[in-house]
C-alpha atoms as a PDB file:
ATOM      1  CA  MET A   1       0.000   0.000   0.000  1.00  0.00           C
ATOM      2  CA  SER A   2       1.012   3.567  -0.517  1.00  0.00           C
ATOM      3  CA  LEU A   3       1.377   6.124   2.251  1.00  0.00           C
ATOM      4  CA  ILE A   4      -1.948   7.730   1.375  1.00  0.00           C
ATOM      5  CA  ASP A   5      -3.737   4.369   1.519  1.00  0.00           C
ATOM      6  CA  ASP A   6      -2.099   3.536   4.843  1.00  0.00           C
ATOM      7  CA  LEU A   7      -3.114   6.887   6.316  1.00  0.00           C
ATOM      8  CA  ALA A   8      -6.667   6.671   4.975  1.00  0.00           C
ATOM      9  CA  GLU A   9      -7.121   3.091   6.228  1.00  0.00           C
ATOM     10  CA  GLY A  10      -5.845   3.936   9.698  1.00  0.00           C
ATOM     11  CA  LEU A  11      -8.014   7.018   9.956  1.00  0.00           C
ATOM     12  CA  ALA A  12     -11.063   5.134   8.667  1.00  0.00           C
ATOM     13  CA  ARG A  13     -10.549   2.379  11.235  1.00  0.00           C
ATOM     14  CA  ASP A  14     -10.187   4.917  14.053  1.00  0.00           C
ATOM     15  CA  THR A  15     -13.159   6.956  12.815  1.00  0.00           C
ATOM     16  CA  LEU A  16     -15.367   3.876  12.706  1.00  0.00           C
ATOM     17  CA  ALA A  17     -14.428   3.092  16.309  1.00  0.00           C
ATOM     18  CA  ALA A  18     -15.155   6.697  17.301  1.00  0.00           C
ATOM     19  CA  MET A  19     -18.529   6.555  15.558  1.00  0.00           C
ATOM     20  CA  ASP A  20     -19.450   3.510  17.629  1.00  0.00           C
ATOM     21  CA  GLU A  21     -18.256   5.140  20.837  1.00  0.00           C
ATOM     22  CA  ILE A  22     -20.009   8.482  20.371  1.00  0.00           C
ATOM     23  CA  GLY A  23     -23.092   7.062  18.675  1.00  0.00           C
ATOM     24  CA  ASP A  24     -22.936   9.259  15.572  1.00  0.00           C
ATOM     25  CA  ASP A  25     -23.254   7.217  12.392  1.00  0.00           C
ATOM     26  CA  ARG A  26     -22.480  10.233  10.182  1.00  0.00           C
ATOM     27  CA  TYR A  27     -19.389  11.441  12.064  1.00  0.00           C
ATOM     28  CA  TYR A  28     -17.148  10.302   9.211  1.00  0.00           C
ATOM     29  CA  GLU A  29     -18.605  13.112   7.081  1.00  0.00           C
ATOM     30  CA  LYS A  30     -17.261  15.685   9.549  1.00  0.00           C
ATOM     31  CA  VAL A  31     -13.844  14.027   9.528  1.00  0.00           C
ATOM     32  CA  SER A  32     -13.945  14.035   5.729  1.00  0.00           C
ATOM     33  CA  ARG A  33     -14.617  17.779   5.593  1.00  0.00           C
ATOM     34  CA  VAL A  34     -11.702  18.496   7.937  1.00  0.00           C
ATOM     35  CA  ILE A  35      -9.374  16.370   5.805  1.00  0.00           C
ATOM     36  CA  GLY A  36     -10.604  17.930   2.576  1.00  0.00           C
ATOM     37  CA  GLU A  37      -9.566  21.394   3.709  1.00  0.00           C
ATOM     38  CA  LEU A  38      -5.925  20.344   3.488  1.00  0.00           C
ATOM     39  CA  SER A  39      -5.832  17.341   1.196  1.00  0.00           C
ATOM     40  CA  PRO A  40      -8.581  16.424  -1.237  1.00  0.00           C
ATOM     41  CA  THR A  41      -6.507  13.405  -2.245  1.00  0.00           C
ATOM     42  CA  LEU A  42      -6.456  12.032   1.306  1.00  0.00           C
ATOM     43  CA  GLN A  43     -10.128  12.920   1.651  1.00  0.00           C
ATOM     44  CA  GLU A  44     -11.045  10.757  -1.332  1.00  0.00           C
ATOM     45  CA  ALA A  45      -8.928   7.848  -0.105  1.00  0.00           C
ATOM     46  CA  PHE A  46     -10.501   8.181   3.355  1.00  0.00           C
ATOM     47  CA  MET A  47     -14.023   8.229   1.942  1.00  0.00           C
ATOM     48  CA  THR A  48     -13.274   5.150  -0.152  1.00  0.00           C
ATOM     49  CA  ALA A  49     -11.959   3.351   2.924  1.00  0.00           C
ATOM     50  CA  MET A  50     -15.009   4.432   4.953  1.00  0.00           C
ATOM     51  CA  ARG A  51     -17.485   3.341   2.287  1.00  0.00           C
ATOM     52  CA  LEU A  52     -15.789  -0.044   2.070  1.00  0.00           C
ATOM     53  CA  ARG A  53     -15.802  -0.521   5.824  1.00  0.00           C
ATOM     54  CA  LEU A  54     -19.410   0.635   6.201  1.00  0.00           C
ATOM     55  CA  ALA A  55     -20.541  -1.604   3.351  1.00  0.00           C
ATOM     56  CA  GLU A  56     -18.688  -4.568   4.843  1.00  0.00           C
ATOM     57  CA  ARG A  57     -20.284  -3.882   8.238  1.00  0.00           C
ATOM     58  CA  ARG A  58     -23.744  -3.674   6.683  1.00  0.00           C
ATOM     59  CA  GLY A  59     -23.150  -6.902   4.778  1.00  0.00           C
ATOM     60  CA  ARG A  60     -22.039  -8.721   7.918  1.00  0.00           C
ATOM     61  CA  GLU A  61     -25.071  -7.469   9.843  1.00  0.00           C
ATOM     62  CA  PHE A  62     -27.360  -8.679   7.046  1.00  0.00           C
ATOM     63  CA  LEU A  63     -25.603 -12.034   6.968  1.00  0.00           C
ATOM     64  CA  GLY A  64     -25.915 -12.372  10.739  1.00  0.00           C
ATOM     65  CA  ARG A  65     -29.639 -11.553  10.701  1.00  0.00           C
ATOM     66  CA  THR A  66     -30.266 -13.962   7.838  1.00  0.00           C
ATOM     67  CA  LEU A  67     -28.421 -16.812   9.534  1.00  0.00           C
ATOM     68  CA  ALA A  68     -30.105 -16.124  12.896  1.00  0.00           C
ATOM     69  CA  SER A  69     -33.507 -16.202  11.233  1.00  0.00           C
ATOM     70  CA  HIS A  70     -32.709 -19.366   9.316  1.00  0.00           C
ATOM     71  CA  ARG A  71     -31.357 -21.102  12.416  1.00  0.00           C
ATOM     72  CA  SER A  72     -34.388 -20.161  14.493  1.00  0.00           C
ATOM     73  CA  GLU A  73     -36.652 -21.585  11.788  1.00  0.00           C
ATOM     74  CA  THR A  74     -34.685 -24.801  11.408  1.00  0.00           C
ATOM     75  CA  GLY A  75     -33.921 -25.321  15.069  1.00  0.00           C
ATOM     76  CA  GLY A  76     -30.208 -24.774  15.323  1.00  0.00           C
ATOM     77  CA  GLU A  77     -26.765 -24.609  13.858  1.00  0.00           C
ATOM     78  CA  PRO A  78     -25.969 -25.862  10.339  1.00  0.00           C
END
């Protein structure tokens, strides 16, 4: 990975943790605006990393709900 990707990934990971802690699911937008004032390039890399992480989280939640529903209907684990 390049420096910009490393920085964006680290910041995205930390921002996601902060979002969970403070209970603000749109906090990453504020972080993005702050970054964009100095580096639009880092801002775009950060937003890409955030979108990927948020999409992955949403996918995992969907998967978990689907499996829980299926298991409750079929009476247990696979």
